[in-house]
Amino acid sequence: MSDGFTMQIGPGPNTGFTIKNICGCRLVFGQMPMSEMGMLTHGFSKKALMATDIADRIGALFVIGEPDDLEELRSMDLSVSEKRQADYQAASQIGLDKVASWLRDGERGSSSNAMCKRIFGIPADAGADHPHDPGDLRRCLLFLDAAEAHDKVSLMVDVSEEWERLVCRWGELIATFKVEMAEGKSAPKTYALMNEILSGEEGKIVL
């Protein structure tokens, strides 16, 4: 069930925002001024979450909802953003079918986008961001799984100093992360290791 409304702020064609309500979640599209942010969270409990993965997939500014409602929303066949469709077409045209599917439907972030650009040249507008926490790292691994590109991680060494540091300890980092995920933890050891590596204060380098 979907309902919502559109509000225009200012005279320009791109100065308004639209709020849609789907599965008890609130989806915001367009430009929302800070003065209107209160309506974004109104009516939700303290357990409500911002779902950046859903927002990125559908091209929304914000998506917020209760945990169970967000899971239901994730299971729906929502239309992907125009940006994702364009990325999908670009990869498909050069025969990168697995990459194309990830670009359209995968859980993407700035660091996984950076990996995709360096390894496959798409998306063209991706930056050089590196993973900052276990959540970012998980999205990078999901990309590598989907694109079958685990053997290409070494290409990231010339993207930035931070990427070079991470790649030099990649095996250790991923092993630590997988152990914590298997134990059902929130990956505090992985986070600590990432901070150590990125700070440049780590001890010996393990290639």
N, C-alpha and C. Protein backbone atom coordinates (compact mmCIF):
# COMPACT_ATOMS: atom_id res chain seq x y z
N MET A 1 0.85 -1.19 0.00
CA MET A 1 0.00 0.00 0.00
C MET A 1 0.89 1.24 0.00
N SER A 2 0.63 2.15 -0.91
CA SER A 2 1.46 3.35 -1.03
C SER A 2 0.58 4.58 -1.04
N ASP A 3 1.00 5.59 -0.27
CA ASP A 3 0.35 6.89 -0.32
C ASP A 3 1.41 7.93 -0.02
N GLY A 4 1.05 9.19 -0.14
CA GLY A 4 2.03 10.23 0.12
C GLY A 4 1.58 11.56 -0.42
N PHE A 5 2.52 12.51 -0.45
CA PHE A 5 2.21 13.84 -0.96
C PHE A 5 3.47 14.50 -1.46
N THR A 6 3.29 15.55 -2.26
CA THR A 6 4.41 16.33 -2.78
C THR A 6 4.31 17.75 -2.25
N MET A 7 5.43 18.31 -1.81
CA MET A 7 5.48 19.67 -1.31
C MET A 7 6.50 20.47 -2.11
N GLN A 8 6.09 21.63 -2.59
CA GLN A 8 6.98 22.51 -3.35
C GLN A 8 7.54 23.58 -2.44
N ILE A 9 8.88 23.74 -2.44
CA ILE A 9 9.55 24.76 -1.64
C ILE A 9 10.31 25.67 -2.60
N GLY A 10 9.87 26.90 -2.77
CA GLY A 10 10.57 27.81 -3.66
C GLY A 10 10.00 27.75 -5.07
N PRO A 11 10.48 28.64 -5.95
CA PRO A 11 9.91 28.77 -7.28
C PRO A 11 10.46 27.81 -8.32
N GLY A 12 11.62 27.22 -8.11
CA GLY A 12 12.26 26.38 -9.12
C GLY A 12 11.59 25.04 -9.29
N PRO A 13 11.87 24.37 -10.42
CA PRO A 13 11.26 23.06 -10.69
C PRO A 13 11.84 21.94 -9.84
N ASN A 14 13.02 22.14 -9.26
CA ASN A 14 13.69 21.09 -8.49
C ASN A 14 13.83 21.46 -7.02
N THR A 15 12.89 22.24 -6.51
CA THR A 15 13.01 22.71 -5.13
C THR A 15 11.99 22.07 -4.20
N GLY A 16 11.30 21.06 -4.65
CA GLY A 16 10.31 20.41 -3.81
C GLY A 16 10.73 19.01 -3.43
N PHE A 17 9.90 18.35 -2.65
CA PHE A 17 10.17 16.97 -2.27
C PHE A 17 8.86 16.20 -2.20
N THR A 18 8.98 14.91 -2.37
CA THR A 18 7.82 14.02 -2.32
C THR A 18 8.03 12.99 -1.22
N ILE A 19 7.02 12.77 -0.41
CA ILE A 19 7.06 11.75 0.62
C ILE A 19 6.08 10.65 0.26
N LYS A 20 6.58 9.42 0.22
CA LYS A 20 5.73 8.26 -0.03
C LYS A 20 5.76 7.35 1.19
N ASN A 21 4.65 6.74 1.50
CA ASN A 21 4.55 5.79 2.61
C ASN A 21 4.27 4.41 2.03
N ILE A 22 5.22 3.50 2.21
CA ILE A 22 5.08 2.13 1.70
C ILE A 22 5.45 1.16 2.82
N CYS A 23 4.58 0.21 3.09
CA CYS A 23 4.82 -0.80 4.14
C CYS A 23 5.12 -0.17 5.49
N GLY A 24 4.52 0.95 5.78
CA GLY A 24 4.77 1.62 7.05
C GLY A 24 6.06 2.41 7.09
N CYS A 25 6.80 2.42 5.98
CA CYS A 25 8.05 3.17 5.90
C CYS A 25 7.82 4.50 5.19
N ARG A 26 8.67 5.46 5.47
CA ARG A 26 8.57 6.78 4.87
C ARG A 26 9.73 6.98 3.90
N LEU A 27 9.41 7.27 2.64
CA LEU A 27 10.39 7.45 1.59
C LEU A 27 10.34 8.89 1.11
N VAL A 28 11.48 9.56 1.11
CA VAL A 28 11.55 10.97 0.72
C VAL A 28 12.37 11.10 -0.56
N PHE A 29 11.79 11.76 -1.56
CA PHE A 29 12.47 12.01 -2.82
C PHE A 29 12.57 13.52 -3.05
N GLY A 30 13.65 13.95 -3.66
CA GLY A 30 13.81 15.37 -3.96
C GLY A 30 14.70 16.08 -2.96
N GLN A 31 14.45 17.37 -2.76
CA GLN A 31 15.23 18.19 -1.85
C GLN A 31 14.38 18.59 -0.65
N MET A 32 14.80 18.15 0.52
CA MET A 32 14.04 18.41 1.75
C MET A 32 14.83 19.38 2.62
N PRO A 33 14.31 20.58 2.88
CA PRO A 33 15.03 21.54 3.72
C PRO A 33 15.09 21.07 5.17
N MET A 34 16.11 21.52 5.88
CA MET A 34 16.29 21.12 7.27
C MET A 34 15.08 21.46 8.12
N SER A 35 14.40 22.53 7.78
CA SER A 35 13.25 22.96 8.58
C SER A 35 12.10 21.95 8.54
N GLU A 36 12.12 21.06 7.55
CA GLU A 36 11.05 20.08 7.42
C GLU A 36 11.46 18.69 7.90
N MET A 37 12.67 18.57 8.44
CA MET A 37 13.19 17.25 8.80
C MET A 37 12.38 16.58 9.91
N GLY A 38 11.69 17.38 10.72
CA GLY A 38 10.92 16.82 11.82
C GLY A 38 9.85 15.85 11.35
N MET A 39 9.25 16.14 10.19
CA MET A 39 8.19 15.27 9.69
C MET A 39 8.74 13.92 9.23
N LEU A 40 10.04 13.85 9.02
CA LEU A 40 10.64 12.59 8.57
C LEU A 40 10.54 11.51 9.63
N THR A 41 10.77 11.87 10.88
CA THR A 41 10.79 10.89 11.97
C THR A 41 9.49 10.87 12.78
N HIS A 42 8.59 11.79 12.52
CA HIS A 42 7.36 11.88 13.30
C HIS A 42 6.55 10.58 13.21
N GLY A 43 6.16 10.06 14.37
CA GLY A 43 5.31 8.88 14.42
C GLY A 43 6.04 7.57 14.52
N PHE A 44 7.37 7.60 14.47
CA PHE A 44 8.15 6.36 14.57
C PHE A 44 8.65 6.15 15.99
N SER A 45 8.95 4.91 16.32
CA SER A 45 9.50 4.60 17.63
C SER A 45 11.00 4.87 17.64
N LYS A 46 11.61 4.71 18.82
CA LYS A 46 13.05 4.91 18.94
C LYS A 46 13.84 3.81 18.24
N LYS A 47 13.17 2.73 17.87
CA LYS A 47 13.84 1.63 17.17
C LYS A 47 13.91 1.85 15.66
N ALA A 48 13.23 2.88 15.17
CA ALA A 48 13.21 3.14 13.73
C ALA A 48 14.62 3.41 13.22
N LEU A 49 14.85 3.01 11.97
CA LEU A 49 16.17 3.13 11.37
C LEU A 49 16.11 3.85 10.03
N MET A 50 17.23 4.46 9.67
CA MET A 50 17.39 5.02 8.34
C MET A 50 17.99 3.92 7.46
N ALA A 51 17.36 3.63 6.35
CA ALA A 51 17.83 2.56 5.46
C ALA A 51 18.54 3.18 4.26
N THR A 52 19.83 3.41 4.41
CA THR A 52 20.59 4.04 3.32
C THR A 52 20.70 3.11 2.11
N ASP A 53 20.69 1.80 2.33
CA ASP A 53 20.79 0.87 1.21
C ASP A 53 19.56 0.95 0.31
N ILE A 54 18.38 1.04 0.93
CA ILE A 54 17.16 1.15 0.13
C ILE A 54 17.11 2.49 -0.58
N ALA A 55 17.49 3.55 0.14
CA ALA A 55 17.48 4.89 -0.45
C ALA A 55 18.38 4.94 -1.67
N ASP A 56 19.56 4.37 -1.56
CA ASP A 56 20.49 4.37 -2.70
C ASP A 56 19.91 3.58 -3.87
N ARG A 57 19.28 2.48 -3.58
CA ARG A 57 18.76 1.61 -4.65
C ARG A 57 17.65 2.27 -5.44
N ILE A 58 16.78 2.99 -4.76
CA ILE A 58 15.62 3.56 -5.45
C ILE A 58 15.78 5.04 -5.77
N GLY A 59 16.91 5.63 -5.39
CA GLY A 59 17.14 7.03 -5.69
C GLY A 59 16.42 7.98 -4.76
N ALA A 60 16.16 7.54 -3.53
CA ALA A 60 15.49 8.39 -2.55
C ALA A 60 16.50 9.19 -1.74
N LEU A 61 16.04 10.29 -1.17
CA LEU A 61 16.88 11.09 -0.29
C LEU A 61 17.02 10.40 1.06
N PHE A 62 15.89 9.96 1.61
CA PHE A 62 15.86 9.24 2.89
C PHE A 62 14.83 8.13 2.83
N VAL A 63 15.08 7.06 3.57
CA VAL A 63 14.09 6.02 3.82
C VAL A 63 14.17 5.69 5.30
N ILE A 64 13.06 5.76 6.00
CA ILE A 64 13.05 5.47 7.43
C ILE A 64 11.87 4.56 7.75
N GLY A 65 12.05 3.68 8.73
CA GLY A 65 10.97 2.80 9.12
C GLY A 65 11.37 1.92 10.29
N GLU A 66 10.40 1.20 10.82
CA GLU A 66 10.68 0.23 11.87
C GLU A 66 11.43 -0.95 11.25
N PRO A 67 12.28 -1.64 12.02
CA PRO A 67 13.10 -2.72 11.46
C PRO A 67 12.33 -3.76 10.65
N ASP A 68 11.22 -4.27 11.17
CA ASP A 68 10.45 -5.29 10.45
C ASP A 68 9.85 -4.73 9.17
N ASP A 69 9.40 -3.48 9.22
CA ASP A 69 8.82 -2.86 8.03
C ASP A 69 9.88 -2.65 6.95
N LEU A 70 11.09 -2.29 7.37
CA LEU A 70 12.17 -2.11 6.41
C LEU A 70 12.53 -3.42 5.73
N GLU A 71 12.49 -4.52 6.48
CA GLU A 71 12.78 -5.82 5.88
C GLU A 71 11.72 -6.18 4.85
N GLU A 72 10.47 -5.86 5.15
CA GLU A 72 9.40 -6.11 4.18
C GLU A 72 9.60 -5.26 2.94
N LEU A 73 10.01 -4.00 3.15
CA LEU A 73 10.26 -3.10 2.03
C LEU A 73 11.39 -3.62 1.15
N ARG A 74 12.44 -4.14 1.78
CA ARG A 74 13.57 -4.69 1.02
C ARG A 74 13.16 -5.87 0.14
N SER A 75 12.17 -6.62 0.59
CA SER A 75 11.73 -7.80 -0.15
C SER A 75 10.84 -7.44 -1.34
N MET A 76 10.42 -6.20 -1.43
CA MET A 76 9.53 -5.77 -2.51
C MET A 76 10.32 -5.50 -3.78
N ASP A 77 9.65 -5.62 -4.89
CA ASP A 77 10.26 -5.35 -6.20
C ASP A 77 10.11 -3.87 -6.52
N LEU A 78 10.93 -3.05 -5.85
CA LEU A 78 10.86 -1.60 -6.04
C LEU A 78 11.64 -1.19 -7.29
N SER A 79 11.17 -0.18 -7.96
CA SER A 79 11.86 0.33 -9.14
C SER A 79 13.20 0.94 -8.74
N VAL A 80 14.25 0.59 -9.46
CA VAL A 80 15.56 1.15 -9.14
C VAL A 80 15.69 2.54 -9.75
N SER A 81 16.67 3.29 -9.27
CA SER A 81 16.85 4.67 -9.72
C SER A 81 17.32 4.74 -11.17
N GLU A 82 17.14 5.90 -11.78
CA GLU A 82 17.62 6.12 -13.15
C GLU A 82 19.13 5.95 -13.21
N LYS A 83 19.82 6.37 -12.15
CA LYS A 83 21.28 6.24 -12.11
C LYS A 83 21.69 4.77 -12.17
N ARG A 84 21.03 3.94 -11.41
CA ARG A 84 21.35 2.51 -11.43
C ARG A 84 21.03 1.89 -12.79
N GLN A 85 19.94 2.31 -13.38
CA GLN A 85 19.59 1.80 -14.70
C GLN A 85 20.66 2.17 -15.72
N ALA A 86 21.17 3.42 -15.62
CA ALA A 86 22.21 3.87 -16.55
C ALA A 86 23.51 3.08 -16.35
N ASP A 87 23.87 2.85 -15.08
CA ASP A 87 25.07 2.06 -14.78
C ASP A 87 24.92 0.64 -15.31
N TYR A 88 23.74 0.08 -15.14
CA TYR A 88 23.46 -1.27 -15.63
C TYR A 88 23.64 -1.35 -17.15
N GLN A 89 23.09 -0.37 -17.85
CA GLN A 89 23.21 -0.35 -19.31
C GLN A 89 24.66 -0.23 -19.75
N ALA A 90 25.43 0.63 -19.06
CA ALA A 90 26.84 0.85 -19.42
C ALA A 90 27.64 -0.43 -19.28
N ALA A 91 27.41 -1.18 -18.21
CA ALA A 91 28.13 -2.44 -18.01
C ALA A 91 27.66 -3.52 -18.97
N SER A 92 26.37 -3.57 -19.23
CA SER A 92 25.83 -4.58 -20.13
C SER A 92 26.37 -4.42 -21.55
N GLN A 93 26.53 -3.17 -21.96
CA GLN A 93 26.98 -2.89 -23.32
C GLN A 93 28.40 -3.38 -23.59
N ILE A 94 29.19 -3.57 -22.54
CA ILE A 94 30.55 -4.06 -22.74
C ILE A 94 30.70 -5.50 -22.22
N GLY A 95 29.57 -6.17 -22.06
CA GLY A 95 29.59 -7.58 -21.73
C GLY A 95 29.84 -7.94 -20.28
N LEU A 96 29.73 -6.97 -19.38
CA LEU A 96 29.97 -7.24 -17.95
C LEU A 96 28.63 -7.55 -17.27
N ASP A 97 28.08 -8.70 -17.58
CA ASP A 97 26.73 -9.02 -17.12
C ASP A 97 26.62 -9.13 -15.60
N LYS A 98 27.59 -9.79 -14.96
CA LYS A 98 27.54 -9.93 -13.50
C LYS A 98 27.71 -8.58 -12.82
N VAL A 99 28.61 -7.78 -13.36
CA VAL A 99 28.81 -6.43 -12.81
C VAL A 99 27.56 -5.59 -13.01
N ALA A 100 26.95 -5.74 -14.18
CA ALA A 100 25.73 -4.99 -14.49
C ALA A 100 24.62 -5.31 -13.49
N SER A 101 24.47 -6.58 -13.18
CA SER A 101 23.42 -6.98 -12.22
C SER A 101 23.68 -6.38 -10.85
N TRP A 102 24.95 -6.36 -10.43
CA TRP A 102 25.28 -5.76 -9.14
C TRP A 102 25.02 -4.26 -9.16
N LEU A 103 25.40 -3.59 -10.24
CA LEU A 103 25.18 -2.15 -10.33
C LEU A 103 23.70 -1.79 -10.25
N ARG A 104 22.85 -2.65 -10.78
CA ARG A 104 21.41 -2.38 -10.75
C ARG A 104 20.77 -2.80 -9.43
N ASP A 105 21.12 -3.97 -8.93
CA ASP A 105 20.38 -4.55 -7.81
C ASP A 105 21.18 -4.73 -6.54
N GLY A 106 22.50 -4.57 -6.59
CA GLY A 106 23.34 -4.84 -5.44
C GLY A 106 23.28 -3.79 -4.35
N GLU A 107 23.80 -4.17 -3.19
CA GLU A 107 23.90 -3.23 -2.07
C GLU A 107 25.19 -2.44 -2.25
N ARG A 108 25.07 -1.23 -2.72
CA ARG A 108 26.22 -0.43 -3.09
C ARG A 108 26.54 0.65 -2.07
N GLY A 109 27.81 1.02 -2.02
CA GLY A 109 28.28 2.12 -1.18
C GLY A 109 29.40 2.83 -1.92
N SER A 110 29.89 3.92 -1.36
CA SER A 110 30.91 4.70 -2.06
C SER A 110 32.21 3.92 -2.24
N SER A 111 32.57 3.09 -1.27
CA SER A 111 33.82 2.33 -1.39
C SER A 111 33.68 1.16 -2.36
N SER A 112 32.54 0.49 -2.37
CA SER A 112 32.34 -0.60 -3.33
C SER A 112 32.20 -0.04 -4.74
N ASN A 113 31.61 1.14 -4.88
CA ASN A 113 31.56 1.81 -6.18
C ASN A 113 32.97 2.13 -6.66
N ALA A 114 33.83 2.57 -5.73
CA ALA A 114 35.22 2.88 -6.09
C ALA A 114 35.94 1.64 -6.59
N MET A 115 35.69 0.50 -5.95
CA MET A 115 36.29 -0.75 -6.40
C MET A 115 35.83 -1.10 -7.81
N CYS A 116 34.54 -0.97 -8.04
CA CYS A 116 33.98 -1.32 -9.34
C CYS A 116 34.57 -0.43 -10.44
N LYS A 117 34.73 0.85 -10.14
CA LYS A 117 35.30 1.77 -11.13
C LYS A 117 36.74 1.42 -11.45
N ARG A 118 37.54 1.15 -10.42
CA ARG A 118 38.96 0.86 -10.65
C ARG A 118 39.14 -0.46 -11.38
N ILE A 119 38.34 -1.44 -11.06
CA ILE A 119 38.50 -2.77 -11.65
C ILE A 119 37.85 -2.88 -13.03
N PHE A 120 36.67 -2.27 -13.18
CA PHE A 120 35.91 -2.44 -14.42
C PHE A 120 35.64 -1.14 -15.18
N GLY A 121 35.99 0.01 -14.59
CA GLY A 121 35.79 1.28 -15.28
C GLY A 121 34.40 1.88 -15.15
N ILE A 122 33.56 1.27 -14.34
CA ILE A 122 32.17 1.70 -14.15
C ILE A 122 31.84 1.61 -12.66
N PRO A 123 31.07 2.54 -12.12
CA PRO A 123 30.47 3.74 -12.72
C PRO A 123 31.49 4.87 -12.88
N ALA A 124 31.37 5.61 -13.95
CA ALA A 124 32.35 6.63 -14.30
C ALA A 124 32.46 7.72 -13.26
N ASP A 125 31.37 7.99 -12.54
CA ASP A 125 31.37 9.09 -11.57
C ASP A 125 31.75 8.65 -10.16
N ALA A 126 32.16 7.40 -9.99
CA ALA A 126 32.56 6.92 -8.66
C ALA A 126 33.85 7.61 -8.23
N GLY A 127 34.02 7.77 -6.93
CA GLY A 127 35.21 8.41 -6.40
C GLY A 127 36.27 7.40 -6.03
N ALA A 128 37.08 7.76 -5.03
CA ALA A 128 38.17 6.89 -4.59
C ALA A 128 37.99 6.49 -3.13
N ASP A 129 36.76 6.55 -2.64
CA ASP A 129 36.51 6.27 -1.23
C ASP A 129 36.94 4.85 -0.85
N HIS A 130 37.47 4.72 0.36
CA HIS A 130 37.86 3.42 0.90
C HIS A 130 36.88 3.03 2.01
N PRO A 131 36.80 1.76 2.36
CA PRO A 131 35.92 1.36 3.46
C PRO A 131 36.41 1.91 4.80
N HIS A 132 35.50 2.47 5.58
CA HIS A 132 35.83 3.07 6.87
C HIS A 132 35.44 2.19 8.05
N ASP A 133 34.52 1.26 7.83
CA ASP A 133 34.03 0.43 8.92
C ASP A 133 33.59 -0.93 8.37
N PRO A 134 33.24 -1.87 9.25
CA PRO A 134 32.84 -3.20 8.78
C PRO A 134 31.65 -3.20 7.82
N GLY A 135 30.75 -2.24 7.97
CA GLY A 135 29.62 -2.15 7.05
C GLY A 135 30.09 -1.86 5.63
N ASP A 136 31.02 -0.91 5.50
CA ASP A 136 31.60 -0.61 4.19
C ASP A 136 32.33 -1.83 3.64
N LEU A 137 33.08 -2.48 4.51
CA LEU A 137 33.85 -3.66 4.09
C LEU A 137 32.92 -4.76 3.59
N ARG A 138 31.82 -4.96 4.28
CA ARG A 138 30.84 -5.99 3.87
C ARG A 138 30.32 -5.71 2.47
N ARG A 139 30.02 -4.44 2.18
CA ARG A 139 29.53 -4.09 0.84
C ARG A 139 30.60 -4.33 -0.22
N CYS A 140 31.85 -4.07 0.13
CA CYS A 140 32.95 -4.35 -0.81
C CYS A 140 33.03 -5.84 -1.11
N LEU A 141 32.88 -6.66 -0.08
CA LEU A 141 32.93 -8.11 -0.27
C LEU A 141 31.73 -8.61 -1.08
N LEU A 142 30.58 -8.02 -0.87
CA LEU A 142 29.41 -8.38 -1.66
C LEU A 142 29.63 -8.07 -3.13
N PHE A 143 30.27 -6.92 -3.39
CA PHE A 143 30.61 -6.58 -4.78
C PHE A 143 31.57 -7.60 -5.37
N LEU A 144 32.63 -7.92 -4.64
CA LEU A 144 33.63 -8.86 -5.13
C LEU A 144 33.01 -10.23 -5.38
N ASP A 145 32.09 -10.64 -4.52
CA ASP A 145 31.37 -11.91 -4.72
C ASP A 145 30.55 -11.86 -6.01
N ALA A 146 29.76 -10.80 -6.14
CA ALA A 146 28.85 -10.68 -7.29
C ALA A 146 29.60 -10.60 -8.61
N ALA A 147 30.72 -9.87 -8.60
CA ALA A 147 31.49 -9.66 -9.83
C ALA A 147 32.56 -10.72 -10.04
N GLU A 148 32.68 -11.64 -9.08
CA GLU A 148 33.74 -12.66 -9.12
C GLU A 148 35.09 -12.01 -9.35
N ALA A 149 35.40 -11.05 -8.48
CA ALA A 149 36.60 -10.22 -8.68
C ALA A 149 37.54 -10.22 -7.48
N HIS A 150 37.47 -11.24 -6.64
CA HIS A 150 38.34 -11.27 -5.47
C HIS A 150 39.82 -11.25 -5.86
N ASP A 151 40.14 -11.78 -7.03
CA ASP A 151 41.53 -11.84 -7.46
C ASP A 151 42.04 -10.51 -8.02
N LYS A 152 41.17 -9.50 -8.04
CA LYS A 152 41.54 -8.20 -8.60
C LYS A 152 41.68 -7.12 -7.54
N VAL A 153 41.62 -7.50 -6.27
CA VAL A 153 41.71 -6.52 -5.18
C VAL A 153 43.01 -5.74 -5.24
N SER A 154 44.09 -6.38 -5.70
CA SER A 154 45.40 -5.72 -5.74
C SER A 154 45.40 -4.48 -6.63
N LEU A 155 44.46 -4.37 -7.55
CA LEU A 155 44.38 -3.19 -8.42
C LEU A 155 44.08 -1.92 -7.63
N MET A 156 43.56 -2.06 -6.42
CA MET A 156 43.17 -0.89 -5.64
C MET A 156 44.35 -0.16 -5.01
N VAL A 157 45.55 -0.73 -5.09
CA VAL A 157 46.70 -0.12 -4.41
C VAL A 157 47.05 1.26 -4.94
N ASP A 158 46.73 1.55 -6.20
CA ASP A 158 47.09 2.85 -6.76
C ASP A 158 45.96 3.87 -6.69
N VAL A 159 44.87 3.52 -6.01
CA VAL A 159 43.73 4.44 -5.91
C VAL A 159 43.99 5.52 -4.86
N SER A 160 44.53 5.13 -3.72
CA SER A 160 44.83 6.08 -2.65
C SER A 160 45.77 5.42 -1.66
N GLU A 161 46.33 6.22 -0.79
CA GLU A 161 47.21 5.69 0.25
C GLU A 161 46.42 4.77 1.19
N GLU A 162 45.18 5.16 1.47
CA GLU A 162 44.35 4.35 2.36
C GLU A 162 44.05 2.99 1.74
N TRP A 163 43.74 2.98 0.46
CA TRP A 163 43.48 1.71 -0.21
C TRP A 163 44.74 0.84 -0.22
N GLU A 164 45.88 1.45 -0.45
CA GLU A 164 47.13 0.68 -0.46
C GLU A 164 47.35 -0.01 0.89
N ARG A 165 47.10 0.72 1.96
CA ARG A 165 47.27 0.14 3.30
C ARG A 165 46.31 -1.02 3.52
N LEU A 166 45.08 -0.83 3.11
CA LEU A 166 44.08 -1.89 3.30
C LEU A 166 44.42 -3.13 2.48
N VAL A 167 44.84 -2.94 1.25
CA VAL A 167 45.16 -4.07 0.38
C VAL A 167 46.33 -4.88 0.94
N CYS A 168 47.30 -4.18 1.53
CA CYS A 168 48.47 -4.86 2.09
C CYS A 168 48.10 -5.78 3.26
N ARG A 169 46.99 -5.51 3.91
CA ARG A 169 46.55 -6.35 5.04
C ARG A 169 45.20 -7.01 4.73
N TRP A 170 44.85 -7.08 3.46
CA TRP A 170 43.52 -7.54 3.06
C TRP A 170 43.19 -8.94 3.57
N GLY A 171 44.12 -9.86 3.40
CA GLY A 171 43.88 -11.23 3.84
C GLY A 171 43.58 -11.32 5.32
N GLU A 172 44.37 -10.63 6.12
CA GLU A 172 44.16 -10.61 7.57
C GLU A 172 42.84 -9.95 7.92
N LEU A 173 42.54 -8.87 7.23
CA LEU A 173 41.32 -8.11 7.50
C LEU A 173 40.08 -8.95 7.21
N ILE A 174 40.06 -9.61 6.07
CA ILE A 174 38.90 -10.41 5.68
C ILE A 174 38.75 -11.63 6.58
N ALA A 175 39.87 -12.24 6.96
CA ALA A 175 39.80 -13.39 7.86
C ALA A 175 39.20 -13.00 9.20
N THR A 176 39.62 -11.86 9.73
CA THR A 176 39.08 -11.36 11.00
C THR A 176 37.59 -11.09 10.89
N PHE A 177 37.20 -10.47 9.79
CA PHE A 177 35.80 -10.13 9.57
C PHE A 177 34.93 -11.39 9.47
N LYS A 178 35.39 -12.38 8.73
CA LYS A 178 34.60 -13.60 8.55
C LYS A 178 34.42 -14.36 9.87
N VAL A 179 35.45 -14.38 10.69
CA VAL A 179 35.35 -15.04 11.99
C VAL A 179 34.28 -14.35 12.84
N GLU A 180 34.31 -13.03 12.88
CA GLU A 180 33.34 -12.30 13.69
C GLU A 180 31.93 -12.46 13.15
N MET A 181 31.77 -12.48 11.84
CA MET A 181 30.44 -12.66 11.26
C MET A 181 29.91 -14.06 11.58
N ALA A 182 30.78 -15.05 11.56
CA ALA A 182 30.36 -16.42 11.88
C ALA A 182 29.92 -16.55 13.33
N GLU A 183 30.49 -15.71 14.18
CA GLU A 183 30.15 -15.73 15.61
C GLU A 183 28.96 -14.83 15.92
N GLY A 184 28.45 -14.15 14.90
CA GLY A 184 27.30 -13.29 15.09
C GLY A 184 27.58 -12.01 15.82
N LYS A 185 28.84 -11.56 15.76
CA LYS A 185 29.21 -10.33 16.47
C LYS A 185 29.04 -9.12 15.57
N SER A 186 29.25 -7.95 16.15
CA SER A 186 29.16 -6.71 15.38
C SER A 186 30.51 -6.28 14.82
N ALA A 187 31.46 -7.18 14.81
CA ALA A 187 32.78 -6.99 14.21
C ALA A 187 33.63 -5.90 14.86
N PRO A 188 33.72 -5.85 16.20
CA PRO A 188 34.55 -4.83 16.84
C PRO A 188 36.04 -5.02 16.56
N LYS A 189 36.48 -6.28 16.44
CA LYS A 189 37.89 -6.53 16.15
C LYS A 189 38.24 -6.08 14.73
N THR A 190 37.31 -6.30 13.82
CA THR A 190 37.53 -5.85 12.43
C THR A 190 37.62 -4.33 12.39
N TYR A 191 36.74 -3.68 13.12
CA TYR A 191 36.73 -2.21 13.15
C TYR A 191 38.03 -1.68 13.73
N ALA A 192 38.49 -2.30 14.81
CA ALA A 192 39.75 -1.88 15.43
C ALA A 192 40.92 -2.09 14.48
N LEU A 193 40.91 -3.22 13.78
CA LEU A 193 41.99 -3.51 12.83
C LEU A 193 41.98 -2.52 11.68
N MET A 194 40.81 -2.17 11.19
CA MET A 194 40.71 -1.19 10.11
C MET A 194 41.27 0.15 10.55
N ASN A 195 40.91 0.58 11.76
CA ASN A 195 41.42 1.85 12.27
C ASN A 195 42.94 1.82 12.41
N GLU A 196 43.46 0.68 12.86
CA GLU A 196 44.91 0.53 13.00
C GLU A 196 45.60 0.65 11.65
N ILE A 197 45.06 -0.05 10.67
CA ILE A 197 45.65 -0.04 9.33
C ILE A 197 45.58 1.35 8.71
N LEU A 198 44.42 1.97 8.78
CA LEU A 198 44.22 3.27 8.15
C LEU A 198 45.00 4.38 8.83
N SER A 199 45.29 4.21 10.11
CA SER A 199 46.06 5.23 10.83
C SER A 199 47.53 5.21 10.44
N GLY A 200 47.96 4.11 9.84
CA GLY A 200 49.36 3.99 9.46
C GLY A 200 50.26 3.62 10.61
N GLU A 201 49.66 3.22 11.73
CA GLU A 201 50.44 2.91 12.93
C GLU A 201 50.59 1.41 13.15
N GLU A 202 50.19 0.61 12.16
CA GLU A 202 50.29 -0.84 12.34
C GLU A 202 51.74 -1.28 12.30
N GLY A 203 51.93 -2.49 12.78
CA GLY A 203 53.28 -3.04 12.82
C GLY A 203 53.66 -3.63 11.48
N LYS A 204 54.01 -4.88 11.46
CA LYS A 204 54.50 -5.47 10.22
C LYS A 204 53.38 -5.60 9.20
N ILE A 205 53.74 -5.54 7.95
CA ILE A 205 52.79 -5.67 6.86
C ILE A 205 52.70 -7.13 6.44
N VAL A 206 51.47 -7.62 6.31
CA VAL A 206 51.25 -9.00 5.90
C VAL A 206 50.65 -8.99 4.51
N LEU A 207 51.40 -9.41 3.52
CA LEU A 207 50.93 -9.39 2.14
C LEU A 207 50.12 -10.64 1.81
